[in-house]
Amino acid sequence: MLKLNLGCGSHTPSGWVNVDYALGAWIAKLPVFSLINKIFKIINIDWSDEIFMHDLRKKFPWEDNSVDVVYSSHTLEHLSRTEGQHFLRECYRVLKPNGVIRIVVPDLNAIINKYTQGAIAADEVLEQLYVSYESPKDGVLKQKLAPFIRFPHKCMYDTPTLLQIVSDIGFEVASKQGFESEIEDVRAIEQLSRTIEAVIVEGKKTPANTYKLKEFTQSNSLVS
C-alpha cells in the first residue's frame, strides 16, 4: 500500500512516504549541518535524512491511480490559492479509485472569532495568521535567514470553503473530527496538537466524479 504524507515536516511515521521540500529537510542530508545547528540553533526541529524531497507546487512524481492514501497536515495553507488547487488536482490524479485524501489546515474562522470576541487584539491578528517571516524572538542571524527557513501562510480556509474546493476537484468529501477517519492507521500519522482549531476534510476519489476534475481544470486554464 502506497501512502503519502505530504508536507511531513519533522513527523515521519513508518509505513508512509514522508515528503517535504523545506530547507531543513535538504540540509539534514548534510552530515556537517547537524553539528552547526547544535551550536547556532538555526532550525528548531530535527529533520529526518530519509524524507523524500519534492516541491509540492510541481507535478507529483507518482503515476496516475497509483496511491492509496494522501495525508497532508498544515501544508495547504503554505501554498497560494492557485498552487493549492494544483496540489489538490495532483492528489486526485495519483490516487487510486476509492483512494482517500485527508487535509488538515488551520481554521480561519477560529482566528477571526478570537478577534471578534476580544481574545486577541487587532495588532495580533497577523501574527496569529502566520503571514509574516518575522518573529519577535528572532536574533540577528535568524532575522537574516527567516525568508529561507520560514514558510508563511499564503491562503486560509474555513470548513465550508475547503469542502467546496475539494469537492470541485472531484472528491466525495466530508468534514471530520480529529482521528475520525477511514484511514486505518490515522493515529500513527495524525498529531493531536494539529487538530485543535483546525479544518479537517476527508475525501474519496470516486471515478464517477472524474468529469468534475476535467471541467475544473478547463475552467481554470481559461481564466489563466
Protein backbone atom coordinates (compact mmCIF):
# COMPACT_ATOMS: atom_id res chain seq x y z
CA MET A 1 0.00 0.00 0.00
CA LEU A 2 1.35 3.40 -1.02
CA LYS A 3 0.57 6.18 1.48
CA LEU A 4 1.86 9.72 1.06
CA ASN A 5 2.45 12.15 3.92
CA LEU A 6 2.74 15.42 2.01
CA GLY A 7 4.46 18.27 3.82
CA CYS A 8 5.59 15.98 6.62
CA GLY A 9 7.94 18.37 8.44
CA SER A 10 9.68 16.50 11.24
CA HIS A 11 6.83 14.00 11.64
CA THR A 12 7.86 10.94 9.63
CA PRO A 13 5.90 7.84 10.71
CA SER A 14 6.97 4.47 9.36
CA GLY A 15 4.87 2.92 6.61
CA TRP A 16 4.42 6.28 4.90
CA VAL A 17 6.33 8.06 2.14
CA ASN A 18 7.16 11.27 4.01
CA VAL A 19 7.54 14.17 1.59
CA ASP A 20 8.83 17.69 2.10
CA TYR A 21 10.92 20.35 0.37
CA ALA A 22 11.87 22.70 3.18
CA LEU A 23 15.42 23.92 3.56
CA GLY A 24 15.71 21.99 6.80
CA ALA A 25 14.95 18.74 5.01
CA TRP A 26 17.62 19.47 2.42
CA ILE A 27 20.40 20.36 4.81
CA ALA A 28 19.53 17.50 7.15
CA LYS A 29 21.10 15.33 4.45
CA LEU A 30 24.41 17.13 5.03
CA PRO A 31 26.23 15.45 7.96
CA VAL A 32 28.12 18.58 8.99
CA PHE A 33 24.95 20.63 9.38
CA SER A 34 23.65 18.82 12.45
CA LEU A 35 26.80 19.89 14.30
CA ILE A 36 26.49 23.51 13.13
CA ASN A 37 22.80 23.59 14.03
CA LYS A 38 23.51 22.41 17.57
CA ILE A 39 25.78 25.41 18.04
CA PHE A 40 23.75 28.17 16.36
CA LYS A 41 20.19 26.76 16.71
CA ILE A 42 19.30 27.87 13.19
CA ILE A 43 16.47 25.36 12.88
CA ASN A 44 14.46 24.34 15.93
CA ILE A 45 13.22 20.97 14.69
CA ASP A 46 15.04 17.77 13.87
CA TRP A 47 14.62 16.80 10.24
CA SER A 48 14.95 13.19 9.14
CA ASP A 49 17.51 12.47 6.43
CA GLU A 50 15.06 9.90 4.96
CA ILE A 51 12.49 12.46 3.80
CA PHE A 52 11.54 12.16 0.12
CA MET A 53 12.34 15.52 -1.42
CA HIS A 54 9.77 17.03 -3.76
CA ASP A 55 8.42 20.52 -4.43
CA LEU A 56 4.68 20.07 -3.88
CA ARG A 57 3.96 23.01 -6.17
CA LYS A 58 5.15 20.89 -9.09
CA LYS A 59 3.73 17.80 -10.78
CA PHE A 60 3.96 14.82 -8.44
CA PRO A 61 6.42 12.07 -9.39
CA TRP A 62 3.87 9.29 -8.80
CA GLU A 63 1.86 7.67 -11.59
CA ASP A 64 -1.85 8.14 -12.21
CA ASN A 65 -4.04 5.93 -9.98
CA SER A 66 -1.06 4.57 -8.03
CA VAL A 67 -1.55 5.90 -4.48
CA ASP A 68 -3.87 4.50 -1.80
CA VAL A 69 -3.87 7.36 0.72
CA VAL A 70 -2.82 11.00 0.74
CA TYR A 71 -2.46 12.77 4.09
CA SER A 72 -1.46 16.40 4.40
CA SER A 73 -1.48 18.37 7.64
CA HIS A 74 -0.83 22.11 7.89
CA THR A 75 0.68 22.31 4.42
CA LEU A 76 -2.02 23.52 2.04
CA GLU A 77 -2.14 26.94 3.73
CA HIS A 78 1.54 27.48 2.84
CA LEU A 79 0.62 27.36 -0.85
CA SER A 80 -1.04 30.18 -2.74
CA ARG A 81 -4.64 29.71 -3.83
CA THR A 82 -3.55 28.67 -7.34
CA GLU A 83 -0.76 26.42 -6.05
CA GLY A 84 -3.19 24.81 -3.63
CA GLN A 85 -5.65 23.98 -6.39
CA HIS A 86 -2.85 22.43 -8.43
CA PHE A 87 -1.75 20.44 -5.36
CA LEU A 88 -5.26 19.03 -4.86
CA ARG A 89 -5.64 18.16 -8.54
CA GLU A 90 -2.36 16.28 -8.38
CA CYS A 91 -3.62 14.40 -5.30
CA TYR A 92 -6.71 13.40 -7.28
CA ARG A 93 -4.62 12.29 -10.25
CA VAL A 94 -2.28 9.99 -8.34
CA LEU A 95 -4.91 8.46 -6.04
CA LYS A 96 -6.45 5.14 -6.99
CA PRO A 97 -10.23 4.95 -7.45
CA ASN A 98 -11.72 4.96 -3.92
CA GLY A 99 -8.39 6.25 -2.59
CA VAL A 100 -8.63 8.54 0.44
CA ILE A 101 -7.36 12.09 0.88
CA ARG A 102 -7.26 13.82 4.27
CA ILE A 103 -6.40 17.51 4.55
CA VAL A 104 -5.83 19.39 7.82
CA VAL A 105 -5.38 23.17 7.88
CA PRO A 106 -5.71 25.97 10.45
CA ASP A 107 -9.28 27.22 10.77
CA LEU A 108 -9.58 30.88 9.73
CA ASN A 109 -12.93 31.05 11.47
CA ALA A 110 -11.32 30.20 14.83
CA ILE A 111 -8.85 33.07 14.49
CA ILE A 112 -11.49 35.59 13.42
CA ASN A 113 -13.74 34.52 16.31
CA LYS A 114 -10.90 35.13 18.78
CA TYR A 115 -10.55 38.66 17.44
CA THR A 116 -14.26 39.48 17.39
CA GLN A 117 -14.65 38.09 20.91
CA GLY A 118 -11.73 40.18 22.18
CA ALA A 119 -9.43 37.24 22.89
CA ILE A 120 -6.74 38.72 20.64
CA ALA A 121 -6.06 42.37 19.79
CA ALA A 122 -6.08 43.80 16.28
CA ASP A 123 -2.30 44.07 16.18
CA GLU A 124 -2.03 40.35 17.00
CA VAL A 125 -4.23 39.10 14.15
CA LEU A 126 -1.50 38.91 11.52
CA GLU A 127 0.76 37.12 13.99
CA GLN A 128 -2.00 34.57 14.61
CA LEU A 129 -2.41 34.15 10.86
CA TYR A 130 1.34 33.43 10.44
CA VAL A 131 1.59 35.52 7.30
CA SER A 132 4.95 37.10 8.18
CA TYR A 133 8.52 35.83 8.16
CA GLU A 134 9.28 37.79 11.32
CA SER A 135 9.20 36.68 14.93
CA PRO A 136 9.86 38.92 17.95
CA LYS A 137 12.06 36.17 19.39
CA ASP A 138 14.47 36.18 16.46
CA GLY A 139 18.10 37.07 16.90
CA VAL A 140 20.11 38.81 14.21
CA LEU A 141 21.08 35.58 12.42
CA LYS A 142 17.51 34.28 12.28
CA GLN A 143 16.28 37.62 11.00
CA LYS A 144 18.63 37.24 8.04
CA LEU A 145 17.73 33.60 7.44
CA ALA A 146 13.96 33.92 8.03
CA PRO A 147 12.95 34.08 4.33
CA PHE A 148 14.80 30.80 3.76
CA ILE A 149 13.74 28.81 6.82
CA ARG A 150 10.17 30.01 7.35
CA PHE A 151 7.16 29.49 5.13
CA PRO A 152 4.33 31.91 5.98
CA HIS A 153 0.69 31.13 5.27
CA LYS A 154 -0.40 32.17 1.77
CA CYS A 155 -4.04 31.11 1.84
CA MET A 156 -6.51 30.48 4.66
CA TYR A 157 -9.58 28.25 4.81
CA ASP A 158 -12.70 27.55 6.79
CA THR A 159 -14.69 24.32 6.67
CA PRO A 160 -17.31 25.28 4.04
CA THR A 161 -14.69 26.72 1.70
CA LEU A 162 -12.32 23.76 1.86
CA LEU A 163 -15.20 21.29 1.47
CA GLN A 164 -16.30 23.12 -1.68
CA ILE A 165 -12.81 23.29 -3.16
CA VAL A 166 -12.05 19.61 -2.58
CA SER A 167 -15.48 18.65 -3.89
CA ASP A 168 -14.95 20.72 -7.03
CA ILE A 169 -11.76 18.79 -7.72
CA GLY A 170 -13.88 15.63 -7.89
CA PHE A 171 -13.72 14.11 -4.42
CA GLU A 172 -16.66 12.90 -2.38
CA VAL A 173 -15.95 14.88 0.80
CA ALA A 174 -16.98 15.24 4.43
CA SER A 175 -15.89 17.29 7.43
CA LYS A 176 -14.16 15.21 10.11
CA GLN A 177 -13.01 15.47 13.70
CA GLY A 178 -9.51 14.62 14.84
CA PHE A 179 -8.73 10.90 14.41
CA GLU A 180 -12.17 10.30 12.83
CA SER A 181 -11.11 8.73 9.56
CA GLU A 182 -11.31 5.91 7.05
CA ILE A 183 -7.52 5.73 7.20
CA GLU A 184 -6.78 2.66 9.32
CA ASP A 185 -3.58 3.92 10.90
CA VAL A 186 -4.64 7.56 11.22
CA ARG A 187 -3.44 7.62 14.83
CA ALA A 188 0.08 6.88 13.63
CA ILE A 189 0.16 9.98 11.48
CA GLU A 190 -2.28 12.49 12.98
CA GLN A 191 -0.99 14.70 15.79
CA LEU A 192 -3.46 15.94 18.40
CA SER A 193 -1.98 19.44 18.53
CA ARG A 194 -2.57 19.81 14.79
CA THR A 195 -6.29 19.01 15.09
CA ILE A 196 -7.06 21.83 17.53
CA GLU A 197 -8.76 24.85 15.90
CA ALA A 198 -8.31 23.13 12.56
CA VAL A 199 -10.38 22.34 9.50
CA ILE A 200 -10.27 18.62 8.72
CA VAL A 201 -11.65 17.43 5.40
CA GLU A 202 -11.54 13.86 4.16
CA GLY A 203 -12.44 12.78 0.66
CA LYS A 204 -12.64 9.72 -1.51
CA LYS A 205 -11.80 9.59 -5.19
CA THR A 206 -14.94 8.36 -6.87
CA PRO A 207 -14.43 7.51 -10.55
CA ALA A 208 -17.88 8.90 -11.39
CA ASN A 209 -16.65 12.36 -10.42
CA THR A 210 -13.70 12.41 -12.80
CA TYR A 211 -15.54 14.79 -15.10
CA LYS A 212 -15.50 17.40 -12.32
CA LEU A 213 -11.70 17.47 -12.38
CA LYS A 214 -11.69 17.92 -16.15
CA GLU A 215 -14.21 20.76 -16.00
CA PHE A 216 -12.34 22.39 -13.09
CA THR A 217 -9.02 22.19 -14.98
CA GLN A 218 -10.52 23.57 -18.20
CA SER A 219 -12.24 26.48 -16.45
CA ASN A 220 -9.03 27.44 -14.65
CA SER A 221 -6.99 27.25 -17.85
CA LEU A 222 -9.45 29.66 -19.48
CA VAL A 223 -9.09 32.09 -16.59
CA SER A 224 -5.30 31.94 -16.69
